Protein backbone atom coordinates (compact mmCIF):
# COMPACT_ATOMS: atom_id res chain seq x y z
CA MET A 1 -21.74 19.10 -38.79
CA GLN A 2 -21.16 18.21 -35.15
CA ARG A 3 -24.33 17.07 -33.41
CA ASN A 4 -23.22 16.06 -29.93
CA LYS A 5 -22.60 19.26 -28.01
CA VAL A 6 -22.31 19.25 -24.25
CA HIS A 7 -24.34 22.05 -22.72
CA HIS A 8 -24.74 20.77 -19.14
CA VAL A 9 -22.46 18.83 -16.83
CA TYR A 10 -23.55 17.54 -13.43
CA THR A 11 -21.26 16.19 -10.75
CA VAL A 12 -21.68 12.67 -9.42
CA ASP A 13 -22.92 13.93 -6.06
CA ARG A 14 -25.60 16.02 -7.79
CA VAL A 15 -26.81 13.11 -9.92
CA ALA A 16 -26.81 10.75 -6.94
CA GLY A 17 -28.81 13.26 -4.90
CA ASP A 18 -31.31 13.84 -7.71
CA LEU A 19 -31.82 10.09 -8.15
CA GLY A 20 -31.79 9.28 -4.44
CA VAL A 21 -28.93 6.77 -4.73
CA SER A 22 -25.34 6.64 -3.47
CA GLU A 23 -22.39 8.20 -5.28
CA ALA A 24 -20.74 4.77 -5.24
CA LEU A 25 -23.60 3.30 -7.28
CA ILE A 26 -23.32 6.04 -9.91
CA HIS A 27 -19.56 5.52 -10.07
CA ASP A 28 -19.96 1.74 -10.45
CA LEU A 29 -22.45 2.22 -13.28
CA THR A 30 -20.00 4.38 -15.22
CA LEU A 31 -16.98 2.06 -14.98
CA GLY A 32 -17.76 0.17 -18.19
CA LEU A 33 -18.75 3.16 -20.31
CA GLU A 34 -16.64 4.41 -23.20
CA PRO A 35 -16.63 7.85 -24.87
CA GLU A 36 -18.79 6.51 -27.71
CA ASP A 37 -21.42 5.66 -25.06
CA GLY A 38 -21.74 9.36 -24.29
CA VAL A 39 -19.25 9.58 -21.44
CA VAL A 40 -17.87 12.99 -20.55
CA TRP A 41 -15.00 13.05 -18.08
CA VAL A 42 -15.37 15.75 -15.42
CA TYR A 43 -12.45 16.86 -13.30
CA GLY A 44 -13.00 18.71 -10.03
CA ALA A 45 -10.72 21.31 -8.51
CA ASN A 46 -9.15 18.75 -6.16
CA ASP A 47 -9.62 15.64 -8.31
CA ASP A 48 -6.90 14.41 -10.65
CA ASP A 49 -8.64 11.12 -11.50
CA GLY A 50 -11.82 12.54 -13.01
CA ILE A 51 -15.31 11.13 -12.96
């Protein structure tokens, strides 16, 4: 039985705004994360690198 289901995805700019920090800080915090840490890659319409 799968337990980890994604039901919401927020963009980096949304998270940064909600937390009152810069997008760069959020990006820096995610650089060392791996999928087993709960990372979900999100690709925007004009973004081939993903976040």
